[in-house]
N, C-alpha and C. Protein backbone atom coordinates (compact mmCIF):
# COMPACT_ATOMS: atom_id res chain seq x y z
N UNK A 1 153.45 153.24 -1.88
CA UNK A 1 153.02 152.03 -1.17
C UNK A 1 152.23 152.43 0.03
N UNK A 2 151.03 151.97 0.21
CA UNK A 2 150.22 152.32 1.32
C UNK A 2 150.81 151.86 2.63
N UNK A 3 150.64 152.82 3.70
CA UNK A 3 151.14 152.21 5.00
C UNK A 3 150.25 151.20 5.57
N UNK A 4 150.84 150.32 6.38
CA UNK A 4 150.19 149.40 7.05
C UNK A 4 149.24 149.93 8.04
N UNK A 5 148.35 149.15 8.34
CA UNK A 5 147.26 149.58 9.32
C UNK A 5 148.01 149.97 10.62
N UNK A 6 149.02 149.20 10.98
CA UNK A 6 149.64 149.55 12.19
C UNK A 6 150.33 150.98 12.21
N UNK A 7 150.90 151.23 11.04
CA UNK A 7 151.56 152.60 10.80
C UNK A 7 150.51 153.70 10.82
N UNK A 8 149.39 153.40 10.24
CA UNK A 8 148.34 154.43 10.21
C UNK A 8 147.80 154.74 11.66
N UNK A 9 147.70 153.67 12.46
CA UNK A 9 147.17 153.84 13.85
C UNK A 9 148.22 154.60 14.65
N UNK A 10 149.44 154.28 14.40
CA UNK A 10 150.48 154.92 15.17
C UNK A 10 150.55 156.44 14.75
N UNK A 11 150.21 156.77 13.44
CA UNK A 11 150.21 158.16 13.01
C UNK A 11 149.09 158.89 13.58
N UNK A 12 147.97 158.27 13.97
CA UNK A 12 146.74 158.91 14.65
C UNK A 12 147.08 159.05 16.09
N UNK A 13 148.09 158.53 16.66
CA UNK A 13 148.34 158.84 18.06
C UNK A 13 148.20 157.57 18.92
N UNK A 14 147.83 156.47 18.40
CA UNK A 14 147.68 155.25 19.19
C UNK A 14 149.12 154.68 19.62
N UNK A 15 149.27 154.30 20.73
CA UNK A 15 150.59 153.81 21.26
C UNK A 15 150.44 152.26 21.13
N UNK A 16 151.60 151.68 20.84
CA UNK A 16 151.58 150.17 20.72
C UNK A 16 151.41 149.64 22.17
N UNK A 17 150.70 148.46 22.34
CA UNK A 17 150.49 147.85 23.59
C UNK A 17 151.74 147.42 24.10
N UNK A 18 151.87 147.56 25.50
CA UNK A 18 153.04 147.18 26.18
C UNK A 18 153.24 145.69 26.21
N UNK A 19 154.46 145.27 26.05
CA UNK A 19 154.71 143.80 26.15
C UNK A 19 154.59 143.33 27.63
N UNK A 20 154.03 142.12 27.83
CA UNK A 20 153.95 141.60 29.25
C UNK A 20 155.37 141.37 29.76
N UNK A 21 155.51 141.78 31.17
CA UNK A 21 156.81 141.54 31.63
C UNK A 21 156.92 140.02 31.94
N UNK A 22 158.14 139.54 31.77
CA UNK A 22 158.37 138.18 31.97
C UNK A 22 158.27 137.84 33.44
N UNK A 23 157.45 136.79 33.89
CA UNK A 23 157.24 136.33 35.23
C UNK A 23 158.36 135.46 35.67
N UNK A 24 158.41 135.18 37.04
CA UNK A 24 159.34 134.25 37.55
C UNK A 24 159.24 132.82 37.05
N UNK A 25 160.37 132.24 36.86
CA UNK A 25 160.34 130.83 36.28
C UNK A 25 159.82 129.90 37.54
N UNK A 26 159.12 128.93 36.99
CA UNK A 26 158.56 127.94 38.03
C UNK A 26 159.48 126.90 38.35
N UNK A 27 159.81 126.69 39.55
CA UNK A 27 160.89 125.80 40.10
C UNK A 27 160.37 124.39 39.68
N UNK A 28 161.21 123.64 39.04
CA UNK A 28 160.88 122.23 38.77
C UNK A 28 161.01 121.44 40.02
N UNK A 29 160.12 120.40 40.25
CA UNK A 29 160.29 119.47 41.43
C UNK A 29 161.57 118.90 41.50
N UNK A 30 162.17 118.82 42.65
CA UNK A 30 163.44 118.04 42.72
C UNK A 30 163.27 116.66 42.30
N UNK A 31 164.33 116.17 41.70
CA UNK A 31 164.36 114.81 41.18
C UNK A 31 164.93 113.86 42.16
N UNK A 32 164.84 112.59 41.97
CA UNK A 32 165.45 111.62 42.87
C UNK A 32 164.56 111.30 44.00
N UNK A 33 165.23 111.12 45.27
CA UNK A 33 164.45 110.72 46.44
C UNK A 33 163.62 111.78 46.98
N UNK A 34 164.12 113.06 46.75
CA UNK A 34 163.30 114.22 47.26
C UNK A 34 161.91 114.31 46.58
N UNK A 35 161.92 114.01 45.29
CA UNK A 35 160.53 114.12 44.59
C UNK A 35 159.52 113.13 45.16
N UNK A 36 160.03 111.94 45.60
CA UNK A 36 159.12 110.96 46.06
C UNK A 36 158.85 111.16 47.62
N UNK A 37 159.51 111.97 48.25
CA UNK A 37 159.34 112.14 49.69
C UNK A 37 157.89 112.55 50.12
N UNK A 38 157.25 113.64 49.42
CA UNK A 38 155.90 113.88 49.75
C UNK A 38 154.84 112.67 49.68
N UNK A 39 155.07 111.96 48.52
CA UNK A 39 154.16 110.83 48.30
C UNK A 39 154.40 109.77 49.42
N UNK A 40 155.71 109.60 49.74
CA UNK A 40 155.93 108.54 50.79
C UNK A 40 155.29 108.92 52.16
N UNK A 41 155.46 110.24 52.41
CA UNK A 41 154.84 110.76 53.63
C UNK A 41 153.40 110.47 53.82
N UNK A 42 152.72 110.79 52.54
CA UNK A 42 151.35 110.69 52.44
C UNK A 42 150.90 109.23 52.55
N UNK A 43 151.67 108.31 51.98
CA UNK A 43 151.39 107.04 52.05
C UNK A 43 151.47 106.55 53.49
N UNK A 44 152.73 107.00 54.09
CA UNK A 44 152.90 106.54 55.51
C UNK A 44 151.76 107.07 56.38
N UNK A 45 151.28 108.21 56.12
CA UNK A 45 150.14 108.77 56.94
C UNK A 45 148.98 108.02 56.79
N UNK A 46 148.72 107.49 55.53
CA UNK A 46 147.47 106.75 55.33
C UNK A 46 147.58 105.38 55.96
N UNK A 47 148.78 104.83 55.98
CA UNK A 47 149.00 103.52 56.51
C UNK A 47 148.89 103.61 58.05
N UNK A 48 149.39 104.72 58.69
CA UNK A 48 149.24 104.86 60.09
C UNK A 48 147.85 105.10 60.40
N UNK A 49 147.10 105.92 59.63
CA UNK A 49 145.60 106.19 59.85
C UNK A 49 144.88 104.93 59.73
N UNK A 50 145.28 103.95 58.79
CA UNK A 50 144.62 102.74 58.64
C UNK A 50 144.69 101.81 59.91
N UNK A 51 145.92 101.84 60.30
CA UNK A 51 146.27 101.04 61.54
C UNK A 51 145.52 101.48 62.70
N UNK A 52 145.51 102.86 62.86
CA UNK A 52 144.75 103.45 64.04
C UNK A 52 143.31 103.16 63.92
N UNK A 53 142.58 103.27 62.76
CA UNK A 53 141.33 102.94 62.58
C UNK A 53 140.98 101.41 62.85
N UNK A 54 141.92 100.62 62.44
CA UNK A 54 141.76 99.10 62.68
C UNK A 54 141.88 98.81 64.14
N UNK A 55 142.77 99.46 64.79
CA UNK A 55 142.94 99.23 66.25
C UNK A 55 141.75 99.56 66.96
N UNK A 56 141.17 100.82 66.60
CA UNK A 56 139.93 101.38 67.24
C UNK A 56 138.76 100.42 67.06
N UNK A 57 138.72 99.83 65.81
CA UNK A 57 137.67 98.92 65.48
C UNK A 57 137.79 97.74 66.40
N UNK A 58 139.07 97.15 66.47
CA UNK A 58 139.22 96.00 67.42
C UNK A 58 138.94 96.16 68.84
N UNK A 59 139.30 97.44 69.27
CA UNK A 59 138.94 97.81 70.65
C UNK A 59 137.45 97.79 70.87
N UNK A 60 136.78 98.44 69.89
CA UNK A 60 135.17 98.38 69.99
C UNK A 60 134.68 96.97 70.00
N UNK A 61 135.24 96.10 69.12
CA UNK A 61 134.77 94.68 69.19
C UNK A 61 135.19 94.06 70.49
N UNK A 62 136.32 94.30 71.14
CA UNK A 62 136.64 93.76 72.34
C UNK A 62 135.71 94.27 73.36
N UNK A 63 135.38 95.52 73.43
CA UNK A 63 134.51 96.03 74.37
C UNK A 63 133.04 95.44 74.26
N UNK A 64 132.60 95.31 73.01
CA UNK A 64 131.34 94.64 72.72
C UNK A 64 131.23 93.22 73.14
N UNK A 65 132.33 92.46 72.88
CA UNK A 65 132.48 91.12 73.30
C UNK A 65 132.46 90.97 74.86
N UNK A 66 133.26 91.90 75.44
CA UNK A 66 133.20 91.89 76.90
C UNK A 66 131.80 92.14 77.52
N UNK A 67 131.10 93.16 76.90
CA UNK A 67 129.67 93.35 77.35
C UNK A 67 128.82 92.14 77.19
N UNK A 68 129.03 91.50 76.00
CA UNK A 68 128.19 90.33 75.74
C UNK A 68 128.48 89.20 76.84
N UNK A 69 129.74 89.07 77.21
CA UNK A 69 130.14 88.09 78.13
C UNK A 69 129.51 88.38 79.50
N UNK A 70 129.58 89.67 79.84
CA UNK A 70 129.20 90.18 81.18
C UNK A 70 127.59 89.95 81.17
N UNK A 71 126.90 90.30 80.12
CA UNK A 71 125.51 90.14 80.21
C UNK A 71 125.08 88.69 80.31
N UNK A 72 125.82 87.82 79.48
CA UNK A 72 125.46 86.36 79.58
C UNK A 72 125.75 85.86 80.96
N UNK A 73 126.99 86.21 81.61
CA UNK A 73 127.18 85.72 82.94
C UNK A 73 126.15 86.30 83.92
N UNK A 74 125.66 87.56 83.75
CA UNK A 74 124.55 88.02 84.66
C UNK A 74 123.38 87.17 84.45
N UNK A 75 123.13 86.84 83.31
CA UNK A 75 121.79 86.16 83.01
C UNK A 75 121.93 84.71 83.64
N UNK A 76 123.04 84.10 83.41
CA UNK A 76 123.33 82.80 83.96
C UNK A 76 123.17 82.81 85.44
N UNK A 77 123.73 83.86 86.04
CA UNK A 77 123.74 83.97 87.55
C UNK A 77 122.28 84.15 88.07
N UNK A 78 121.47 84.96 87.26
CA UNK A 78 120.11 85.20 87.70
C UNK A 78 119.32 83.86 87.46
N UNK A 79 119.61 83.14 86.45
CA UNK A 79 118.92 81.72 86.32
C UNK A 79 119.34 80.86 87.34
N UNK A 80 120.63 80.76 87.81
CA UNK A 80 120.89 79.82 88.90
C UNK A 80 120.28 80.29 90.21
N UNK A 81 120.24 81.63 90.39
CA UNK A 81 119.58 82.11 91.62
C UNK A 81 118.13 81.89 91.64
N UNK A 82 117.48 81.92 90.51
CA UNK A 82 115.95 81.65 90.50
C UNK A 82 115.70 80.28 90.52
N UNK A 83 116.57 79.35 89.97
CA UNK A 83 116.44 77.91 90.14
C UNK A 83 116.66 77.54 91.62
N UNK A 84 117.64 78.18 92.32
CA UNK A 84 118.00 77.74 93.68
C UNK A 84 116.69 78.29 94.58
N UNK A 85 116.19 79.40 94.22
CA UNK A 85 114.94 79.86 95.02
C UNK A 85 113.70 78.91 94.82
N UNK A 86 113.56 78.45 93.60
CA UNK A 86 112.55 77.50 93.26
C UNK A 86 112.72 76.21 93.99
N UNK A 87 114.00 75.75 94.04
CA UNK A 87 114.36 74.48 94.70
C UNK A 87 114.05 74.61 96.18
N UNK A 88 114.43 75.69 96.85
CA UNK A 88 114.20 76.03 98.22
C UNK A 88 112.75 76.05 98.59
N UNK A 89 111.94 76.75 97.66
CA UNK A 89 110.59 76.83 97.80
C UNK A 89 109.88 75.59 97.76
N UNK A 90 110.28 74.66 96.85
CA UNK A 90 109.69 73.37 96.68
C UNK A 90 110.05 72.50 97.91
N UNK A 91 111.30 72.65 98.35
CA UNK A 91 111.74 71.91 99.64
C UNK A 91 110.90 72.36 100.79
N UNK A 92 110.67 73.60 100.91
CA UNK A 92 109.92 74.19 102.00
C UNK A 92 108.47 73.67 102.03
N UNK A 93 107.86 73.59 100.76
CA UNK A 93 106.56 73.18 100.65
C UNK A 93 106.32 71.70 100.97
N UNK A 94 107.46 70.95 100.59
CA UNK A 94 107.45 69.47 100.80
C UNK A 94 107.53 69.31 102.33
N UNK A 95 108.42 70.00 103.02
CA UNK A 95 108.50 69.94 104.43
C UNK A 95 107.27 70.33 105.12
N UNK A 96 106.67 71.29 104.68
CA UNK A 96 105.25 71.78 105.30
C UNK A 96 104.13 70.63 105.09
N UNK A 97 104.29 70.11 103.86
CA UNK A 97 103.30 69.10 103.62
C UNK A 97 103.46 67.78 104.27
N UNK A 98 104.69 67.40 104.52
CA UNK A 98 105.03 66.25 105.33
C UNK A 98 104.65 66.43 106.78
N UNK A 99 104.89 67.72 107.31
CA UNK A 99 104.53 67.91 108.68
C UNK A 99 103.00 67.90 108.84
N UNK A 100 102.27 68.44 107.80
CA UNK A 100 100.90 68.42 107.78
C UNK A 100 100.31 66.93 107.76
N UNK A 101 100.99 66.15 106.79
CA UNK A 101 100.57 64.80 106.74
C UNK A 101 100.84 63.94 108.02
N UNK A 102 101.91 64.20 108.58
CA UNK A 102 102.22 63.56 109.90
C UNK A 102 101.15 63.87 110.95
N UNK A 103 100.78 65.18 110.96
CA UNK A 103 99.71 65.46 111.95
C UNK A 103 98.41 64.89 111.52
N UNK A 104 98.12 64.78 110.19
CA UNK A 104 96.82 64.25 109.83
C UNK A 104 96.82 62.79 110.27
N UNK A 105 97.91 62.04 110.23
CA UNK A 105 97.92 60.63 110.42
C UNK A 105 97.97 60.24 111.85
N UNK A 106 98.01 61.22 112.78
CA UNK A 106 98.03 60.93 114.17
C UNK A 106 96.76 60.22 114.64
N UNK A 107 97.02 59.01 115.19
CA UNK A 107 95.84 58.26 115.62
C UNK A 107 95.14 57.44 114.57
N UNK A 108 95.58 57.46 113.32
CA UNK A 108 94.97 56.76 112.21
C UNK A 108 95.77 55.64 111.62
N UNK A 109 96.80 55.37 112.13
CA UNK A 109 97.80 54.31 111.65
C UNK A 109 97.27 52.94 112.12
N UNK A 110 97.07 51.96 111.29
CA UNK A 110 96.49 50.70 111.65
C UNK A 110 97.53 49.66 111.74
N UNK A 111 98.77 49.88 111.63
CA UNK A 111 99.79 48.81 111.53
C UNK A 111 99.69 47.94 112.83
N UNK A 112 99.67 46.63 112.63
CA UNK A 112 99.51 45.54 113.71
C UNK A 112 100.98 45.10 114.16
N UNK A 113 101.41 45.44 115.35
CA UNK A 113 102.74 45.01 115.81
C UNK A 113 102.90 43.37 115.75
N UNK A 114 101.76 42.71 115.79
CA UNK A 114 101.86 41.23 115.73
C UNK A 114 101.74 40.62 114.32
N UNK A 115 101.56 41.50 113.34
CA UNK A 115 101.35 41.04 111.93
C UNK A 115 102.56 40.22 111.47
N UNK A 116 102.32 39.13 110.76
CA UNK A 116 103.50 38.35 110.22
C UNK A 116 103.40 38.12 108.73
N UNK A 117 102.46 38.65 108.15
CA UNK A 117 102.25 38.43 106.64
C UNK A 117 102.91 39.68 105.94
N UNK A 118 103.85 39.51 105.06
CA UNK A 118 104.54 40.46 104.31
C UNK A 118 103.86 40.82 103.03
N UNK A 119 103.27 41.97 102.93
CA UNK A 119 102.65 42.38 101.69
C UNK A 119 103.61 43.28 100.96
N UNK A 120 104.19 42.77 99.80
CA UNK A 120 105.15 43.43 99.02
C UNK A 120 104.39 44.40 97.92
N UNK A 121 105.03 45.44 97.57
CA UNK A 121 104.42 46.43 96.63
C UNK A 121 105.62 47.24 96.12
N UNK A 122 105.48 47.58 94.77
CA UNK A 122 106.47 48.52 94.16
C UNK A 122 106.27 49.97 94.62
N UNK A 123 107.43 50.57 94.98
CA UNK A 123 107.33 52.06 95.39
C UNK A 123 108.76 52.73 95.15
N UNK A 124 108.68 53.75 94.56
CA UNK A 124 110.01 54.46 94.29
C UNK A 124 110.95 53.66 93.45
N UNK A 125 110.48 52.81 92.64
CA UNK A 125 111.47 52.03 91.81
C UNK A 125 111.95 50.82 92.45
N UNK A 126 111.47 50.52 93.66
CA UNK A 126 111.93 49.35 94.45
C UNK A 126 110.84 48.51 94.97
N UNK A 127 111.05 47.35 95.44
CA UNK A 127 110.03 46.50 96.03
C UNK A 127 110.13 46.70 97.53
N UNK A 128 108.96 47.18 98.02
CA UNK A 128 108.90 47.47 99.43
C UNK A 128 107.86 46.49 100.11
N UNK A 129 107.77 46.51 101.49
CA UNK A 129 106.90 45.61 102.16
C UNK A 129 106.25 46.17 103.36
N UNK A 130 105.18 45.75 103.80
CA UNK A 130 104.53 46.03 105.02
C UNK A 130 103.84 44.78 105.66
N UNK A 131 104.04 44.68 106.91
CA UNK A 131 103.58 43.48 107.57
C UNK A 131 102.01 43.74 107.99
N UNK A 132 101.26 42.78 107.55
CA UNK A 132 99.76 42.88 107.87
C UNK A 132 99.26 41.53 108.45
N UNK A 133 98.01 41.49 109.13
CA UNK A 133 97.44 40.24 109.54
C UNK A 133 96.58 39.78 108.21
N UNK A 134 95.98 38.62 108.58
CA UNK A 134 95.15 38.08 107.41
C UNK A 134 93.94 38.97 107.06
N UNK A 135 93.32 39.56 108.08
CA UNK A 135 92.22 40.49 107.71
C UNK A 135 92.53 41.77 106.94
N UNK A 136 93.79 42.31 107.55
CA UNK A 136 94.27 43.51 106.77
C UNK A 136 94.75 43.25 105.49
N UNK A 137 95.30 42.00 105.19
CA UNK A 137 95.70 41.70 103.76
C UNK A 137 94.45 41.56 102.92
N UNK A 138 93.36 41.02 103.39
CA UNK A 138 92.15 41.03 102.53
C UNK A 138 91.69 42.39 102.30
N UNK A 139 91.63 43.24 103.30
CA UNK A 139 91.09 44.52 103.13
C UNK A 139 92.03 45.40 102.20
N UNK A 140 93.31 45.15 102.34
CA UNK A 140 94.34 45.85 101.55
C UNK A 140 94.19 45.51 100.03
N UNK A 141 93.89 44.24 99.77
CA UNK A 141 93.80 43.79 98.35
C UNK A 141 92.49 44.23 97.87
N UNK A 142 91.56 44.53 98.68
CA UNK A 142 90.22 44.82 98.28
C UNK A 142 90.13 46.32 98.09
N UNK A 143 91.22 47.14 98.39
CA UNK A 143 91.19 48.59 98.33
C UNK A 143 90.59 49.27 99.48
N UNK A 144 90.15 48.57 100.52
CA UNK A 144 89.53 49.14 101.75
C UNK A 144 90.67 49.89 102.54
N UNK A 145 91.95 49.41 102.48
CA UNK A 145 92.91 49.99 103.14
C UNK A 145 94.07 50.36 102.17
N UNK A 146 95.04 51.21 102.58
CA UNK A 146 96.16 51.65 101.69
C UNK A 146 97.37 51.87 102.56
N UNK A 147 98.44 52.09 101.86
CA UNK A 147 99.78 52.48 102.55
C UNK A 147 100.33 53.73 102.14
N UNK A 148 100.74 54.53 103.36
CA UNK A 148 101.24 55.79 103.19
C UNK A 148 102.69 55.83 103.71
N UNK A 149 103.56 56.42 102.92
CA UNK A 149 104.95 56.48 103.41
C UNK A 149 105.27 57.85 104.06
N UNK A 150 105.69 57.71 105.32
CA UNK A 150 105.91 59.03 106.09
C UNK A 150 107.17 58.83 106.85
N UNK A 151 108.10 59.59 106.67
CA UNK A 151 109.36 59.66 107.55
C UNK A 151 109.97 58.16 107.46
N UNK A 152 109.95 57.62 106.29
CA UNK A 152 110.77 56.29 106.12
C UNK A 152 109.84 55.11 106.65
N UNK A 153 108.62 55.40 107.19
CA UNK A 153 107.81 54.32 107.64
C UNK A 153 106.58 54.10 106.78
N UNK A 154 106.12 52.89 106.56
CA UNK A 154 105.00 52.57 105.77
C UNK A 154 103.77 52.41 106.73
N UNK A 155 102.84 53.18 106.54
CA UNK A 155 101.65 53.14 107.48
C UNK A 155 100.46 52.70 106.76
N UNK A 156 99.78 51.80 107.48
CA UNK A 156 98.52 51.26 106.94
C UNK A 156 97.28 52.09 107.39
N UNK A 157 96.50 52.47 106.48
CA UNK A 157 95.42 53.46 106.81
C UNK A 157 94.17 53.00 106.07
N UNK A 158 92.99 53.52 106.36
CA UNK A 158 91.68 53.31 105.71
C UNK A 158 91.85 53.96 104.41
N UNK A 159 90.87 53.55 103.49
CA UNK A 159 90.76 54.20 102.13
C UNK A 159 90.49 55.70 102.25
N UNK A 160 89.63 56.00 103.24
CA UNK A 160 89.23 57.44 103.32
C UNK A 160 90.39 58.29 103.79
N UNK A 161 91.26 57.78 104.73
CA UNK A 161 92.40 58.46 105.17
C UNK A 161 93.52 58.47 104.07
N UNK A 162 93.48 57.44 103.32
CA UNK A 162 94.43 57.45 102.16
C UNK A 162 94.19 58.59 101.14
N UNK A 163 92.89 58.80 100.99
CA UNK A 163 92.44 59.87 100.03
C UNK A 163 92.86 61.24 100.71
N UNK A 164 92.65 61.41 102.04
CA UNK A 164 92.93 62.63 102.68
C UNK A 164 94.49 62.86 102.51
N UNK A 165 95.26 61.78 102.74
CA UNK A 165 96.67 61.89 102.61
C UNK A 165 97.20 62.19 101.23
N UNK A 166 96.46 61.71 100.19
CA UNK A 166 96.76 61.96 98.80
C UNK A 166 96.60 63.45 98.43
N UNK A 167 95.64 64.07 99.05
CA UNK A 167 95.36 65.47 98.86
C UNK A 167 96.46 66.40 99.50
N UNK A 168 97.04 65.82 100.49
CA UNK A 168 98.10 66.61 101.24
C UNK A 168 99.36 66.41 100.53
N UNK A 169 99.85 65.18 100.22
CA UNK A 169 101.10 64.87 99.64
C UNK A 169 100.90 63.68 98.80
N UNK A 170 100.56 63.83 97.53
CA UNK A 170 100.43 62.77 96.67
C UNK A 170 101.64 61.71 96.53
N UNK A 171 102.76 62.26 96.72
CA UNK A 171 103.90 61.36 96.48
C UNK A 171 104.16 60.43 97.64
N UNK A 172 103.46 60.62 98.69
CA UNK A 172 103.59 59.79 99.89
C UNK A 172 102.70 58.53 99.87
N UNK A 173 101.76 58.45 98.73
CA UNK A 173 100.97 57.34 98.64
C UNK A 173 101.83 56.21 98.05
N UNK A 174 101.98 55.12 98.93
CA UNK A 174 102.87 54.02 98.56
C UNK A 174 102.12 52.82 97.89
N UNK A 175 100.88 52.54 98.38
CA UNK A 175 100.08 51.46 97.86
C UNK A 175 98.65 51.88 97.89
N UNK A 176 98.02 52.00 96.76
CA UNK A 176 96.63 52.30 96.57
C UNK A 176 95.97 51.25 95.57
N UNK A 177 95.30 50.40 96.11
CA UNK A 177 94.82 49.25 95.30
C UNK A 177 93.50 49.60 94.74
N UNK A 178 93.33 49.45 93.34
CA UNK A 178 92.13 49.59 92.70
C UNK A 178 91.27 48.30 92.74
N UNK A 179 90.19 48.24 93.45
CA UNK A 179 89.48 46.98 93.63
C UNK A 179 88.83 46.50 92.27
N UNK A 180 88.68 47.41 91.39
CA UNK A 180 88.16 47.03 90.01
C UNK A 180 89.10 46.51 89.02
N UNK A 181 90.39 46.62 89.38
CA UNK A 181 91.53 46.16 88.50
C UNK A 181 91.61 44.66 88.48
N UNK A 182 92.04 44.10 87.37
CA UNK A 182 92.17 42.62 87.35
C UNK A 182 93.26 42.14 88.33
N UNK A 183 93.07 41.03 88.84
CA UNK A 183 93.87 40.56 89.98
C UNK A 183 95.34 40.42 89.41
N UNK A 184 95.48 40.03 88.15
CA UNK A 184 96.85 39.70 87.58
C UNK A 184 97.59 40.96 87.48
N UNK A 185 97.01 42.23 87.60
CA UNK A 185 97.77 43.44 87.58
C UNK A 185 98.70 43.69 88.80
N UNK A 186 98.33 42.94 89.89
CA UNK A 186 99.10 43.08 91.16
C UNK A 186 99.39 41.68 91.60
N UNK A 187 100.43 41.08 91.15
CA UNK A 187 100.86 39.72 91.53
C UNK A 187 101.19 39.59 93.11
N UNK A 188 101.57 40.67 93.68
CA UNK A 188 101.97 40.73 95.12
C UNK A 188 100.85 40.55 95.93
N UNK A 189 99.52 40.67 95.46
CA UNK A 189 98.31 40.59 96.29
C UNK A 189 98.06 39.18 96.63
N UNK A 190 98.57 38.22 95.83
CA UNK A 190 98.44 36.79 96.04
C UNK A 190 99.63 36.28 97.04
N UNK A 191 99.24 35.74 98.12
CA UNK A 191 100.38 35.34 98.97
C UNK A 191 101.41 34.32 98.39
N UNK A 192 100.92 33.61 97.43
CA UNK A 192 101.83 32.53 96.81
C UNK A 192 102.81 33.36 95.98
N UNK A 193 102.73 34.54 95.73
CA UNK A 193 103.65 35.28 94.89
C UNK A 193 104.48 36.19 95.85
N UNK A 194 104.46 36.08 97.05
CA UNK A 194 105.10 36.95 98.12
C UNK A 194 106.65 36.69 97.88
N UNK A 195 107.34 37.82 98.02
CA UNK A 195 108.86 37.71 97.91
C UNK A 195 109.33 37.28 99.25
N UNK A 196 110.33 36.31 99.28
CA UNK A 196 110.87 35.79 100.43
C UNK A 196 111.55 36.93 101.21
N UNK A 197 111.52 36.90 102.50
CA UNK A 197 112.17 37.97 103.34
C UNK A 197 113.63 37.99 103.14
N UNK A 198 114.22 36.86 103.04
CA UNK A 198 115.69 36.76 102.93
C UNK A 198 116.15 36.96 101.57
N UNK A 199 115.16 37.43 100.58
CA UNK A 199 115.79 37.68 99.23
C UNK A 199 116.13 39.15 99.16
N UNK A 200 117.40 39.36 98.54
CA UNK A 200 117.80 40.78 98.45
C UNK A 200 117.42 41.33 97.18
N UNK A 201 116.78 42.51 97.23
CA UNK A 201 116.33 43.24 95.94
C UNK A 201 117.18 44.34 95.77
C-alpha cells in the first residue's frame, strides 16, 4: 500500500508543523449588577453632561436677556433725556420770544382805560374779552386793529404791529379779524351778540 503524502514528506525530512499554543481564556463579563455598572455610569455621565449643557445654555440666555434689558433701559433713558432737552429748548425759545415780543410792544399798545365795550373772542379754547371804545370796536371788526396776548394781558394793537407780533410769536395772536370774511363767521363782532359780563363761561 502506498504511503500517504504526509508519510512521504516526513521521509524526505520535513517536520510536522507545530501546534499553536493554547492562549489565555477570555474572562466573561460579570453577570448581575456588575455587568450593568459601566452602562449605568455612562448613562449617568451623559445625563450629567446634558444637565450641564442645559444649565450653560440657560445662563447664556439669562445673560443675553439681561443685556437686552440693559440696552433697552439705556435707550429709554437717552430718549427721556433727549425729550427733556427738547422741552427745555422749546421753553427757552418761548421765553426769549415773549421777552422780544414784550419789548416790541413797548409804546404800541392802544388799550383805552375808559373803554366800556366788551369785545369777546375765542382764544385758547375759551371765550375771552377786551374792552374797547366805539371807534376801536369798528376798527377791530374791520381788521385795522388786532389783539395780542402777552403775560396774561390782552393788548390792542394796529394791524401792522399785529403782523410784527405774529412773526415773533404766532401763538400770542389772540384776535386777528379778516375784513374779507363774512360777518356771520364772527358773531362776537356784532354788539347785540356780546356775552354779558356776569355770565360765567
